[in-house]
Amino acid sequence: QVQLVESGGGLVQAGGSLRLSCAASGRTLVPYAMGWFRQTPSEEREFVAAIARRGDGTRYADSVKGRFTISRDNAKNTVYLQMINLKPEDTAVYYCAAPLFPAQAMGVRPSEYFYWGQGTQVTVSS
């Protein structure tokens, strides 16, 4: 069992930055690729970024490429999402996620993940 807790969300002006953290407990994250997703009340949960288990590979949604950076510190059992040049359309609840089985590839679909955090709200004002 893996418990994930996101933090770092908040209200920021357009062009600003935030750094989200996802702390895991219950099991080491080392064997798991990890992902970040986001969701607004009117939209499906969408893929944002994913990182390979050793941090040697990343994937990003086209909408965030060049602005968001996913990273991980396996020693701290934590995954991060650095967000710069934020836009109002980035406003959403952000979730981190882990797959059920270790060593899985960096999935881009919510169905490829099993463990989810409670989410952290990011609001970008124009």
N, C-alpha and C. Protein backbone atom coordinates (compact mmCIF):
# COMPACT_ATOMS: atom_id res chain seq x y z
N GLN A 1 0.84 -1.20 0.00
CA GLN A 1 0.00 0.00 0.00
C GLN A 1 0.88 1.25 0.00
N VAL A 2 0.50 2.21 -0.83
CA VAL A 2 1.24 3.46 -0.96
C VAL A 2 0.30 4.62 -0.64
N GLN A 3 0.70 5.50 0.24
CA GLN A 3 -0.06 6.71 0.50
C GLN A 3 0.70 7.90 -0.09
N LEU A 4 -0.02 8.73 -0.82
CA LEU A 4 0.59 9.89 -1.48
C LEU A 4 -0.06 11.16 -0.96
N VAL A 5 0.76 12.14 -0.63
CA VAL A 5 0.24 13.42 -0.13
C VAL A 5 0.89 14.55 -0.90
N GLU A 6 0.06 15.31 -1.62
CA GLU A 6 0.55 16.45 -2.37
C GLU A 6 0.53 17.71 -1.51
N SER A 7 1.42 18.63 -1.83
CA SER A 7 1.45 19.93 -1.18
C SER A 7 2.08 20.94 -2.11
N GLY A 8 1.95 22.22 -1.77
CA GLY A 8 2.61 23.26 -2.54
C GLY A 8 1.70 24.06 -3.44
N GLY A 9 0.44 23.68 -3.53
CA GLY A 9 -0.48 24.45 -4.35
C GLY A 9 -0.78 25.80 -3.73
N GLY A 10 -1.50 26.61 -4.49
CA GLY A 10 -1.86 27.93 -3.99
C GLY A 10 -2.35 28.83 -5.08
N LEU A 11 -2.47 30.12 -4.74
CA LEU A 11 -2.92 31.14 -5.68
C LEU A 11 -1.70 31.92 -6.15
N VAL A 12 -1.56 32.07 -7.46
CA VAL A 12 -0.42 32.77 -8.03
C VAL A 12 -0.89 33.56 -9.24
N GLN A 13 -0.21 34.65 -9.52
CA GLN A 13 -0.55 35.43 -10.71
C GLN A 13 0.03 34.78 -11.95
N ALA A 14 -0.57 35.07 -13.07
CA ALA A 14 -0.05 34.58 -14.35
C ALA A 14 1.41 35.00 -14.49
N GLY A 15 2.22 34.06 -14.96
CA GLY A 15 3.66 34.30 -15.07
C GLY A 15 4.44 33.87 -13.85
N GLY A 16 3.74 33.53 -12.78
CA GLY A 16 4.39 33.12 -11.56
C GLY A 16 4.79 31.66 -11.56
N SER A 17 5.30 31.22 -10.43
CA SER A 17 5.82 29.86 -10.30
C SER A 17 5.31 29.21 -9.02
N LEU A 18 5.23 27.90 -9.06
CA LEU A 18 4.93 27.08 -7.90
C LEU A 18 5.70 25.79 -8.01
N ARG A 19 5.98 25.18 -6.85
CA ARG A 19 6.60 23.87 -6.82
C ARG A 19 5.73 22.95 -5.99
N LEU A 20 5.22 21.92 -6.65
CA LEU A 20 4.40 20.93 -5.97
C LEU A 20 5.27 19.79 -5.50
N SER A 21 4.90 19.23 -4.36
CA SER A 21 5.59 18.06 -3.82
C SER A 21 4.59 16.93 -3.63
N CYS A 22 5.07 15.73 -3.76
CA CYS A 22 4.27 14.53 -3.53
C CYS A 22 5.10 13.61 -2.65
N ALA A 23 4.70 13.52 -1.39
CA ALA A 23 5.43 12.69 -0.44
C ALA A 23 4.72 11.35 -0.30
N ALA A 24 5.50 10.30 -0.34
CA ALA A 24 4.94 8.95 -0.26
C ALA A 24 5.29 8.31 1.07
N SER A 25 4.37 7.47 1.52
CA SER A 25 4.63 6.67 2.72
C SER A 25 4.03 5.29 2.51
N GLY A 26 4.45 4.36 3.32
CA GLY A 26 3.92 3.02 3.23
C GLY A 26 4.77 2.09 2.39
N ARG A 27 5.49 2.67 1.43
CA ARG A 27 6.33 1.85 0.57
C ARG A 27 7.29 2.79 -0.15
N THR A 28 8.46 2.29 -0.45
CA THR A 28 9.39 3.13 -1.19
C THR A 28 8.89 3.35 -2.61
N LEU A 29 9.15 4.55 -3.14
CA LEU A 29 8.77 4.87 -4.52
C LEU A 29 9.81 4.42 -5.52
N VAL A 30 10.93 3.93 -5.03
CA VAL A 30 12.04 3.64 -5.93
C VAL A 30 11.66 2.77 -7.12
N PRO A 31 10.85 1.72 -6.94
CA PRO A 31 10.56 0.87 -8.10
C PRO A 31 9.49 1.42 -9.05
N TYR A 32 8.91 2.57 -8.74
CA TYR A 32 7.74 3.04 -9.47
C TYR A 32 8.04 4.25 -10.35
N ALA A 33 7.58 4.17 -11.61
CA ALA A 33 7.43 5.41 -12.35
C ALA A 33 6.30 6.20 -11.69
N MET A 34 6.36 7.51 -11.76
CA MET A 34 5.37 8.36 -11.09
C MET A 34 4.79 9.36 -12.08
N GLY A 35 3.57 9.79 -11.81
CA GLY A 35 2.94 10.75 -12.70
C GLY A 35 2.26 11.87 -11.96
N TRP A 36 2.08 12.98 -12.66
CA TRP A 36 1.26 14.09 -12.21
C TRP A 36 0.11 14.27 -13.20
N PHE A 37 -1.07 14.49 -12.66
CA PHE A 37 -2.26 14.75 -13.45
C PHE A 37 -2.94 15.99 -12.89
N ARG A 38 -3.88 16.53 -13.64
CA ARG A 38 -4.67 17.65 -13.14
C ARG A 38 -6.11 17.53 -13.62
N GLN A 39 -7.00 18.18 -12.88
CA GLN A 39 -8.42 18.09 -13.22
C GLN A 39 -9.14 19.35 -12.78
N THR A 40 -10.03 19.83 -13.65
CA THR A 40 -10.94 20.91 -13.31
C THR A 40 -12.34 20.31 -13.18
N PRO A 41 -13.28 21.05 -12.56
CA PRO A 41 -14.63 20.49 -12.36
C PRO A 41 -15.32 20.09 -13.66
N SER A 42 -14.98 20.73 -14.77
CA SER A 42 -15.69 20.47 -16.01
C SER A 42 -14.92 19.58 -16.97
N GLU A 43 -13.74 19.11 -16.57
CA GLU A 43 -12.91 18.34 -17.49
C GLU A 43 -12.55 16.98 -16.90
N GLU A 44 -12.13 16.09 -17.80
CA GLU A 44 -11.59 14.80 -17.37
C GLU A 44 -10.20 15.03 -16.76
N ARG A 45 -9.77 14.09 -15.95
CA ARG A 45 -8.42 14.18 -15.40
C ARG A 45 -7.42 14.02 -16.55
N GLU A 46 -6.47 14.94 -16.63
CA GLU A 46 -5.55 14.91 -17.76
C GLU A 46 -4.10 14.76 -17.30
N PHE A 47 -3.34 14.13 -18.14
CA PHE A 47 -1.92 13.90 -17.90
C PHE A 47 -1.15 15.20 -17.95
N VAL A 48 -0.20 15.35 -17.02
CA VAL A 48 0.68 16.51 -17.00
C VAL A 48 2.12 16.10 -17.25
N ALA A 49 2.62 15.17 -16.44
CA ALA A 49 4.02 14.77 -16.56
C ALA A 49 4.22 13.42 -15.89
N ALA A 50 5.28 12.73 -16.30
CA ALA A 50 5.64 11.46 -15.67
C ALA A 50 7.15 11.34 -15.65
N ILE A 51 7.63 10.53 -14.71
CA ILE A 51 9.07 10.36 -14.56
C ILE A 51 9.37 8.89 -14.31
N ALA A 52 10.45 8.42 -14.94
CA ALA A 52 10.88 7.04 -14.76
C ALA A 52 11.37 6.81 -13.34
N ARG A 53 11.45 5.54 -12.96
CA ARG A 53 11.72 5.22 -11.55
C ARG A 53 13.07 5.72 -11.08
N ARG A 54 14.05 5.82 -11.96
CA ARG A 54 15.36 6.33 -11.58
C ARG A 54 15.54 7.80 -11.94
N GLY A 55 14.48 8.40 -12.48
CA GLY A 55 14.57 9.80 -12.87
C GLY A 55 15.30 10.03 -14.15
N ASP A 56 15.58 8.98 -14.91
CA ASP A 56 16.37 9.10 -16.13
C ASP A 56 15.50 9.20 -17.37
N GLY A 57 14.22 9.42 -17.19
CA GLY A 57 13.33 9.63 -18.32
C GLY A 57 12.13 10.41 -17.84
N THR A 58 11.63 11.31 -18.71
CA THR A 58 10.45 12.10 -18.37
C THR A 58 9.54 12.21 -19.59
N ARG A 59 8.27 12.47 -19.34
CA ARG A 59 7.30 12.72 -20.39
C ARG A 59 6.44 13.89 -19.94
N TYR A 60 6.02 14.71 -20.90
CA TYR A 60 5.21 15.88 -20.58
C TYR A 60 4.06 16.02 -21.58
N ALA A 61 2.95 16.56 -21.07
CA ALA A 61 1.89 16.98 -21.98
C ALA A 61 2.40 18.16 -22.80
N ASP A 62 1.94 18.26 -24.03
CA ASP A 62 2.38 19.35 -24.91
C ASP A 62 2.09 20.71 -24.29
N SER A 63 0.99 20.80 -23.55
CA SER A 63 0.57 22.09 -22.99
C SER A 63 1.51 22.62 -21.91
N VAL A 64 2.37 21.75 -21.35
CA VAL A 64 3.24 22.19 -20.25
C VAL A 64 4.72 22.09 -20.60
N LYS A 65 5.04 21.55 -21.76
CA LYS A 65 6.45 21.41 -22.15
C LYS A 65 7.15 22.76 -22.14
N GLY A 66 8.34 22.77 -21.56
CA GLY A 66 9.11 24.00 -21.47
C GLY A 66 8.77 24.86 -20.28
N ARG A 67 7.68 24.54 -19.58
CA ARG A 67 7.27 25.33 -18.41
C ARG A 67 7.28 24.50 -17.12
N PHE A 68 6.98 23.22 -17.23
CA PHE A 68 6.92 22.35 -16.06
C PHE A 68 8.09 21.36 -16.10
N THR A 69 8.60 21.05 -14.91
CA THR A 69 9.67 20.06 -14.80
C THR A 69 9.33 19.10 -13.68
N ILE A 70 9.30 17.81 -14.00
CA ILE A 70 9.07 16.77 -13.00
C ILE A 70 10.42 16.24 -12.56
N SER A 71 10.54 15.99 -11.27
CA SER A 71 11.78 15.43 -10.73
C SER A 71 11.43 14.56 -9.53
N ARG A 72 12.43 13.84 -9.05
CA ARG A 72 12.19 12.99 -7.89
C ARG A 72 13.44 12.89 -7.04
N ASP A 73 13.22 12.69 -5.76
CA ASP A 73 14.31 12.44 -4.81
C ASP A 73 13.95 11.13 -4.13
N ASN A 74 14.52 10.05 -4.62
CA ASN A 74 14.15 8.73 -4.09
C ASN A 74 14.60 8.57 -2.63
N ALA A 75 15.63 9.27 -2.25
CA ALA A 75 16.07 9.20 -0.86
C ALA A 75 15.02 9.80 0.08
N LYS A 76 14.27 10.78 -0.43
CA LYS A 76 13.22 11.41 0.37
C LYS A 76 11.84 10.85 0.04
N ASN A 77 11.80 9.90 -0.89
CA ASN A 77 10.51 9.30 -1.28
C ASN A 77 9.52 10.36 -1.73
N THR A 78 10.02 11.30 -2.51
CA THR A 78 9.22 12.46 -2.90
C THR A 78 9.40 12.75 -4.39
N VAL A 79 8.30 13.16 -5.01
CA VAL A 79 8.30 13.57 -6.40
C VAL A 79 7.87 15.03 -6.44
N TYR A 80 8.45 15.79 -7.37
CA TYR A 80 8.19 17.22 -7.45
C TYR A 80 7.66 17.61 -8.84
N LEU A 81 6.96 18.72 -8.87
CA LEU A 81 6.56 19.32 -10.14
C LEU A 81 6.83 20.81 -10.04
N GLN A 82 7.90 21.25 -10.70
CA GLN A 82 8.23 22.67 -10.74
C GLN A 82 7.48 23.29 -11.89
N MET A 83 6.72 24.34 -11.61
CA MET A 83 5.91 24.99 -12.62
C MET A 83 6.31 26.45 -12.71
N ILE A 84 6.68 26.89 -13.91
CA ILE A 84 7.03 28.29 -14.13
C ILE A 84 6.13 28.85 -15.23
N ASN A 85 6.14 30.18 -15.35
CA ASN A 85 5.35 30.84 -16.38
C ASN A 85 3.92 30.31 -16.39
N LEU A 86 3.32 30.26 -15.22
CA LEU A 86 1.98 29.70 -15.11
C LEU A 86 0.95 30.56 -15.84
N LYS A 87 -0.05 29.88 -16.37
CA LYS A 87 -1.13 30.52 -17.13
C LYS A 87 -2.46 30.24 -16.45
N PRO A 88 -3.46 31.09 -16.67
CA PRO A 88 -4.78 30.82 -16.07
C PRO A 88 -5.32 29.44 -16.42
N GLU A 89 -5.00 28.95 -17.60
CA GLU A 89 -5.51 27.63 -18.00
C GLU A 89 -4.81 26.48 -17.27
N ASP A 90 -3.80 26.79 -16.46
CA ASP A 90 -3.18 25.76 -15.62
C ASP A 90 -3.96 25.56 -14.33
N THR A 91 -4.96 26.40 -14.08
CA THR A 91 -5.76 26.28 -12.87
C THR A 91 -6.46 24.92 -12.83
N ALA A 92 -6.24 24.19 -11.74
CA ALA A 92 -6.80 22.84 -11.60
C ALA A 92 -6.39 22.28 -10.24
N VAL A 93 -6.96 21.14 -9.91
CA VAL A 93 -6.45 20.34 -8.80
C VAL A 93 -5.40 19.39 -9.38
N TYR A 94 -4.24 19.39 -8.78
CA TYR A 94 -3.13 18.57 -9.26
C TYR A 94 -2.97 17.34 -8.37
N TYR A 95 -2.83 16.20 -9.01
CA TYR A 95 -2.71 14.92 -8.32
C TYR A 95 -1.42 14.22 -8.72
N CYS A 96 -0.77 13.59 -7.76
CA CYS A 96 0.30 12.68 -8.13
C CYS A 96 -0.23 11.26 -8.04
N ALA A 97 0.42 10.37 -8.76
CA ALA A 97 -0.08 9.01 -8.87
C ALA A 97 1.06 8.03 -9.06
N ALA A 98 0.82 6.80 -8.58
CA ALA A 98 1.77 5.71 -8.75
C ALA A 98 1.03 4.50 -9.29
N PRO A 99 1.70 3.72 -10.13
CA PRO A 99 1.04 2.52 -10.66
C PRO A 99 0.96 1.43 -9.61
N LEU A 100 0.19 0.40 -9.91
CA LEU A 100 0.04 -0.69 -8.97
C LEU A 100 1.30 -1.54 -8.90
N PHE A 101 1.92 -1.74 -10.06
CA PHE A 101 3.07 -2.63 -10.13
C PHE A 101 4.34 -1.83 -10.34
N PRO A 102 5.41 -2.20 -9.66
CA PRO A 102 6.68 -1.51 -9.86
C PRO A 102 7.18 -1.69 -11.28
N ALA A 103 8.11 -0.80 -11.64
CA ALA A 103 8.85 -0.88 -12.90
C ALA A 103 7.96 -0.69 -14.12
N GLN A 104 6.78 -0.11 -13.93
CA GLN A 104 5.95 0.16 -15.10
C GLN A 104 6.48 1.35 -15.88
N ALA A 105 6.12 1.39 -17.12
CA ALA A 105 6.51 2.51 -17.97
C ALA A 105 5.78 3.78 -17.52
N MET A 106 6.20 4.91 -18.06
CA MET A 106 5.62 6.20 -17.68
C MET A 106 4.29 6.38 -18.40
N GLY A 107 3.22 5.97 -17.76
CA GLY A 107 1.92 6.05 -18.39
C GLY A 107 1.40 7.47 -18.51
N VAL A 108 0.51 7.68 -19.47
CA VAL A 108 -0.12 8.99 -19.67
C VAL A 108 -1.61 8.93 -19.44
N ARG A 109 -2.14 7.75 -19.17
CA ARG A 109 -3.58 7.61 -18.92
C ARG A 109 -3.84 7.41 -17.44
N PRO A 110 -4.88 8.01 -16.90
CA PRO A 110 -5.19 7.79 -15.47
C PRO A 110 -5.39 6.31 -15.14
N SER A 111 -5.90 5.54 -16.09
CA SER A 111 -6.16 4.12 -15.85
C SER A 111 -4.87 3.33 -15.65
N GLU A 112 -3.73 3.91 -16.00
CA GLU A 112 -2.46 3.21 -15.80
C GLU A 112 -1.91 3.39 -14.39
N TYR A 113 -2.60 4.16 -13.58
CA TYR A 113 -2.17 4.43 -12.22
C TYR A 113 -3.20 3.90 -11.23
N PHE A 114 -2.70 3.52 -10.06
CA PHE A 114 -3.59 2.90 -9.06
C PHE A 114 -3.67 3.73 -7.79
N TYR A 115 -2.53 4.25 -7.34
CA TYR A 115 -2.49 5.02 -6.10
C TYR A 115 -2.53 6.51 -6.45
N TRP A 116 -3.39 7.24 -5.74
CA TRP A 116 -3.57 8.66 -5.98
C TRP A 116 -3.52 9.44 -4.68
N GLY A 117 -3.00 10.64 -4.73
CA GLY A 117 -3.08 11.53 -3.59
C GLY A 117 -4.43 12.23 -3.55
N GLN A 118 -4.59 13.09 -2.57
CA GLN A 118 -5.87 13.79 -2.40
C GLN A 118 -5.96 15.03 -3.28
N GLY A 119 -4.83 15.45 -3.83
CA GLY A 119 -4.81 16.61 -4.72
C GLY A 119 -4.46 17.90 -4.01
N THR A 120 -3.91 18.84 -4.77
CA THR A 120 -3.62 20.17 -4.25
C THR A 120 -4.07 21.19 -5.29
N GLN A 121 -4.77 22.23 -4.84
CA GLN A 121 -5.36 23.20 -5.74
C GLN A 121 -4.32 24.21 -6.21
N VAL A 122 -4.27 24.42 -7.50
CA VAL A 122 -3.44 25.48 -8.10
C VAL A 122 -4.39 26.44 -8.81
N THR A 123 -4.32 27.69 -8.45
CA THR A 123 -5.16 28.71 -9.07
C THR A 123 -4.26 29.82 -9.61
N VAL A 124 -4.41 30.09 -10.90
CA VAL A 124 -3.59 31.11 -11.55
C VAL A 124 -4.50 32.24 -11.99
N SER A 125 -4.28 33.41 -11.46
CA SER A 125 -5.12 34.56 -11.80
C SER A 125 -4.50 35.34 -12.95
N SER A 126 -5.37 35.93 -13.74
CA SER A 126 -4.90 36.69 -14.92
C SER A 126 -4.61 38.14 -14.57
